[in-house]
Amino acid sequence: MRVLIPPPLHSYTNGRSVVAGRGATLSELLDALDDDFPGIRFRVIDEQDRIRPHIRFFVNAKLAASVGQQVAPADQVQIICALSGG
């Protein structure tokens, strides 16, 4: 599957904005991404295995509510990071 990586996470993917992913759920996909790009999972998922408040996942342009969301090889997963500042 195709995974779109936001600019704040490019340091984990060697500057790549699109990477290949694998897994049957978002959780499995994130485990696989962390195998390929160590440290990326912790940036988007907290210690309780929940999506961090400033992160959104879209699977085929539909918002995913949890890491249990099913994904398929033909899917496109987009990770969005909310901007903050003051």
N, C-alpha and C. Protein backbone atom coordinates (compact mmCIF):
# COMPACT_ATOMS: atom_id res chain seq x y z
N MET A 1 0.83 -1.18 0.00
CA MET A 1 0.00 0.00 0.00
C MET A 1 0.87 1.23 0.00
N ARG A 2 0.30 2.30 -0.42
CA ARG A 2 1.00 3.58 -0.53
C ARG A 2 0.72 4.39 0.73
N VAL A 3 1.78 4.90 1.37
CA VAL A 3 1.64 5.68 2.59
C VAL A 3 2.23 7.06 2.35
N LEU A 4 1.40 8.10 2.54
CA LEU A 4 1.84 9.47 2.37
C LEU A 4 2.31 10.01 3.72
N ILE A 5 3.55 10.45 3.75
CA ILE A 5 4.20 10.89 4.99
C ILE A 5 4.25 12.42 5.01
N PRO A 6 3.81 13.06 6.11
CA PRO A 6 3.85 14.52 6.17
C PRO A 6 5.28 15.04 6.41
N PRO A 7 5.56 16.26 5.98
CA PRO A 7 6.91 16.82 6.14
C PRO A 7 7.51 16.71 7.54
N PRO A 8 6.75 16.90 8.63
CA PRO A 8 7.38 16.78 9.95
C PRO A 8 7.96 15.39 10.26
N LEU A 9 7.57 14.38 9.50
CA LEU A 9 8.07 13.02 9.72
C LEU A 9 9.09 12.58 8.68
N HIS A 10 9.43 13.45 7.75
CA HIS A 10 10.39 13.09 6.70
C HIS A 10 11.77 12.73 7.25
N SER A 11 12.11 13.24 8.42
CA SER A 11 13.42 12.89 8.99
C SER A 11 13.50 11.40 9.32
N TYR A 12 12.36 10.75 9.51
CA TYR A 12 12.34 9.31 9.79
C TYR A 12 12.39 8.48 8.51
N THR A 13 11.95 9.06 7.39
CA THR A 13 11.85 8.32 6.13
C THR A 13 12.93 8.74 5.13
N ASN A 14 14.02 9.31 5.64
CA ASN A 14 15.11 9.76 4.77
C ASN A 14 14.64 10.76 3.71
N GLY A 15 13.70 11.63 4.12
CA GLY A 15 13.21 12.68 3.24
C GLY A 15 12.11 12.27 2.29
N ARG A 16 11.67 11.03 2.37
CA ARG A 16 10.65 10.54 1.44
C ARG A 16 9.25 10.94 1.90
N SER A 17 8.44 11.39 0.95
CA SER A 17 7.06 11.76 1.26
C SER A 17 6.08 10.63 0.96
N VAL A 18 6.52 9.62 0.24
CA VAL A 18 5.70 8.45 -0.07
C VAL A 18 6.54 7.20 0.17
N VAL A 19 5.99 6.27 0.95
CA VAL A 19 6.68 5.01 1.22
C VAL A 19 5.70 3.86 1.02
N ALA A 20 6.23 2.67 0.86
CA ALA A 20 5.41 1.47 0.76
C ALA A 20 5.12 0.94 2.15
N GLY A 21 3.90 0.47 2.35
CA GLY A 21 3.51 -0.09 3.64
C GLY A 21 2.91 -1.46 3.48
N ARG A 22 2.77 -2.16 4.60
CA ARG A 22 2.16 -3.49 4.59
C ARG A 22 1.47 -3.72 5.94
N GLY A 23 0.46 -4.58 5.93
CA GLY A 23 -0.28 -4.91 7.14
C GLY A 23 -1.77 -4.96 6.85
N ALA A 24 -2.52 -5.55 7.78
CA ALA A 24 -3.96 -5.69 7.61
C ALA A 24 -4.73 -4.63 8.39
N THR A 25 -4.06 -3.96 9.34
CA THR A 25 -4.66 -2.88 10.12
C THR A 25 -3.66 -1.72 10.18
N LEU A 26 -4.14 -0.57 10.63
CA LEU A 26 -3.21 0.55 10.81
C LEU A 26 -2.13 0.19 11.81
N SER A 27 -2.48 -0.53 12.85
CA SER A 27 -1.48 -0.92 13.85
C SER A 27 -0.38 -1.76 13.22
N GLU A 28 -0.76 -2.74 12.40
CA GLU A 28 0.24 -3.58 11.72
C GLU A 28 1.05 -2.76 10.73
N LEU A 29 0.40 -1.84 10.04
CA LEU A 29 1.10 -0.96 9.11
C LEU A 29 2.15 -0.14 9.86
N LEU A 30 1.77 0.41 11.01
CA LEU A 30 2.71 1.23 11.78
C LEU A 30 3.86 0.40 12.33
N ASP A 31 3.59 -0.83 12.72
CA ASP A 31 4.68 -1.72 13.16
C ASP A 31 5.66 -1.95 12.01
N ALA A 32 5.12 -2.19 10.81
CA ALA A 32 5.98 -2.42 9.64
C ALA A 32 6.76 -1.16 9.28
N LEU A 33 6.10 0.00 9.35
CA LEU A 33 6.81 1.25 9.08
C LEU A 33 7.93 1.46 10.08
N ASP A 34 7.67 1.12 11.34
CA ASP A 34 8.69 1.29 12.38
C ASP A 34 9.86 0.34 12.15
N ASP A 35 9.60 -0.84 11.59
CA ASP A 35 10.70 -1.75 11.23
C ASP A 35 11.59 -1.11 10.15
N ASP A 36 10.93 -0.46 9.18
CA ASP A 36 11.66 0.16 8.08
C ASP A 36 12.25 1.52 8.44
N PHE A 37 11.54 2.25 9.30
CA PHE A 37 11.92 3.62 9.68
C PHE A 37 11.81 3.77 11.20
N PRO A 38 12.81 3.27 11.94
CA PRO A 38 12.74 3.25 13.41
C PRO A 38 12.40 4.61 14.01
N GLY A 39 11.45 4.55 14.96
CA GLY A 39 11.04 5.75 15.70
C GLY A 39 9.79 6.42 15.18
N ILE A 40 9.36 6.09 13.96
CA ILE A 40 8.22 6.79 13.38
C ILE A 40 6.91 6.47 14.11
N ARG A 41 6.75 5.23 14.55
CA ARG A 41 5.49 4.83 15.21
C ARG A 41 5.24 5.65 16.47
N PHE A 42 6.27 5.85 17.28
CA PHE A 42 6.09 6.58 18.54
C PHE A 42 5.71 8.04 18.30
N ARG A 43 6.02 8.59 17.14
CA ARG A 43 5.67 9.98 16.84
C ARG A 43 4.18 10.13 16.56
N VAL A 44 3.50 9.03 16.20
CA VAL A 44 2.08 9.12 15.83
C VAL A 44 1.15 8.34 16.76
N ILE A 45 1.72 7.41 17.54
CA ILE A 45 0.93 6.57 18.46
C ILE A 45 1.51 6.70 19.86
N ASP A 46 0.63 6.83 20.87
CA ASP A 46 1.13 6.98 22.23
C ASP A 46 1.37 5.63 22.91
N GLU A 47 1.74 5.69 24.19
CA GLU A 47 2.08 4.48 24.94
C GLU A 47 0.89 3.56 25.16
N GLN A 48 -0.33 4.08 25.04
CA GLN A 48 -1.55 3.28 25.20
C GLN A 48 -2.08 2.78 23.85
N ASP A 49 -1.25 2.88 22.82
CA ASP A 49 -1.60 2.42 21.47
C ASP A 49 -2.77 3.20 20.89
N ARG A 50 -2.83 4.49 21.21
CA ARG A 50 -3.86 5.38 20.66
C ARG A 50 -3.20 6.40 19.74
N ILE A 51 -3.98 6.85 18.77
CA ILE A 51 -3.49 7.89 17.86
C ILE A 51 -3.29 9.18 18.66
N ARG A 52 -2.13 9.79 18.51
CA ARG A 52 -1.84 11.04 19.23
C ARG A 52 -2.84 12.12 18.80
N PRO A 53 -3.16 13.05 19.72
CA PRO A 53 -4.20 14.06 19.43
C PRO A 53 -3.93 14.93 18.20
N HIS A 54 -2.70 15.16 17.86
CA HIS A 54 -2.38 16.05 16.73
C HIS A 54 -2.19 15.29 15.41
N ILE A 55 -2.50 14.00 15.42
CA ILE A 55 -2.31 13.15 14.22
C ILE A 55 -3.67 12.66 13.73
N ARG A 56 -3.81 12.60 12.41
CA ARG A 56 -4.98 12.00 11.78
C ARG A 56 -4.49 11.04 10.71
N PHE A 57 -5.20 9.93 10.58
CA PHE A 57 -4.95 8.96 9.52
C PHE A 57 -6.15 8.93 8.60
N PHE A 58 -5.90 8.95 7.31
CA PHE A 58 -6.96 8.80 6.32
C PHE A 58 -6.63 7.59 5.47
N VAL A 59 -7.62 6.72 5.34
CA VAL A 59 -7.48 5.53 4.49
C VAL A 59 -8.42 5.75 3.31
N ASN A 60 -7.82 5.88 2.13
CA ASN A 60 -8.60 6.18 0.92
C ASN A 60 -9.49 7.41 1.13
N ALA A 61 -8.91 8.45 1.74
CA ALA A 61 -9.55 9.75 1.96
C ALA A 61 -10.65 9.72 3.02
N LYS A 62 -10.75 8.63 3.79
CA LYS A 62 -11.74 8.55 4.87
C LYS A 62 -11.00 8.51 6.21
N LEU A 63 -11.44 9.33 7.15
CA LEU A 63 -10.80 9.41 8.46
C LEU A 63 -10.87 8.07 9.19
N ALA A 64 -9.73 7.63 9.70
CA ALA A 64 -9.67 6.39 10.49
C ALA A 64 -9.80 6.76 11.96
N ALA A 65 -10.67 6.08 12.68
CA ALA A 65 -10.94 6.39 14.07
C ALA A 65 -9.95 5.76 15.04
N SER A 66 -9.32 4.65 14.64
CA SER A 66 -8.42 3.96 15.56
C SER A 66 -7.37 3.18 14.79
N VAL A 67 -6.38 2.66 15.52
CA VAL A 67 -5.33 1.86 14.89
C VAL A 67 -5.85 0.48 14.49
N GLY A 68 -7.06 0.15 14.89
CA GLY A 68 -7.68 -1.11 14.48
C GLY A 68 -8.30 -1.05 13.09
N GLN A 69 -8.28 0.12 12.48
CA GLN A 69 -8.85 0.30 11.13
C GLN A 69 -8.22 -0.69 10.16
N GLN A 70 -9.05 -1.38 9.41
CA GLN A 70 -8.58 -2.34 8.40
C GLN A 70 -7.98 -1.59 7.22
N VAL A 71 -6.91 -2.13 6.66
CA VAL A 71 -6.30 -1.60 5.45
C VAL A 71 -6.01 -2.77 4.51
N ALA A 72 -5.88 -2.45 3.23
CA ALA A 72 -5.63 -3.48 2.22
C ALA A 72 -4.46 -3.05 1.33
N PRO A 73 -3.86 -3.99 0.64
CA PRO A 73 -2.69 -3.67 -0.20
C PRO A 73 -2.93 -2.56 -1.22
N ALA A 74 -4.15 -2.43 -1.74
CA ALA A 74 -4.43 -1.40 -2.75
C ALA A 74 -4.78 -0.04 -2.15
N ASP A 75 -4.83 0.06 -0.82
CA ASP A 75 -5.22 1.30 -0.16
C ASP A 75 -4.12 2.36 -0.19
N GLN A 76 -4.57 3.59 -0.01
CA GLN A 76 -3.65 4.70 0.22
C GLN A 76 -3.91 5.23 1.62
N VAL A 77 -2.86 5.32 2.41
CA VAL A 77 -2.97 5.82 3.78
C VAL A 77 -2.21 7.14 3.86
N GLN A 78 -2.89 8.15 4.36
CA GLN A 78 -2.26 9.46 4.51
C GLN A 78 -2.19 9.80 5.99
N ILE A 79 -1.01 10.22 6.43
CA ILE A 79 -0.81 10.67 7.80
C ILE A 79 -0.79 12.19 7.76
N ILE A 80 -1.60 12.81 8.61
CA ILE A 80 -1.69 14.26 8.69
C ILE A 80 -1.26 14.69 10.09
N CYS A 81 -0.42 15.70 10.16
CA CYS A 81 0.01 16.30 11.44
C CYS A 81 -0.61 17.68 11.55
N ALA A 82 -1.30 17.93 12.65
CA ALA A 82 -1.86 19.26 12.89
C ALA A 82 -0.73 20.24 13.19
N LEU A 83 -0.90 21.45 12.76
CA LEU A 83 0.07 22.51 13.05
C LEU A 83 -0.26 23.14 14.40
N SER A 84 0.76 23.56 15.10
CA SER A 84 0.53 24.27 16.34
C SER A 84 1.50 25.43 16.41
N GLY A 85 1.23 26.30 17.28
CA GLY A 85 2.11 27.46 17.41
C GLY A 85 1.43 28.54 18.23
N GLY A 86 2.05 29.66 18.27
CA GLY A 86 1.43 30.72 19.07
C GLY A 86 1.95 32.06 18.70
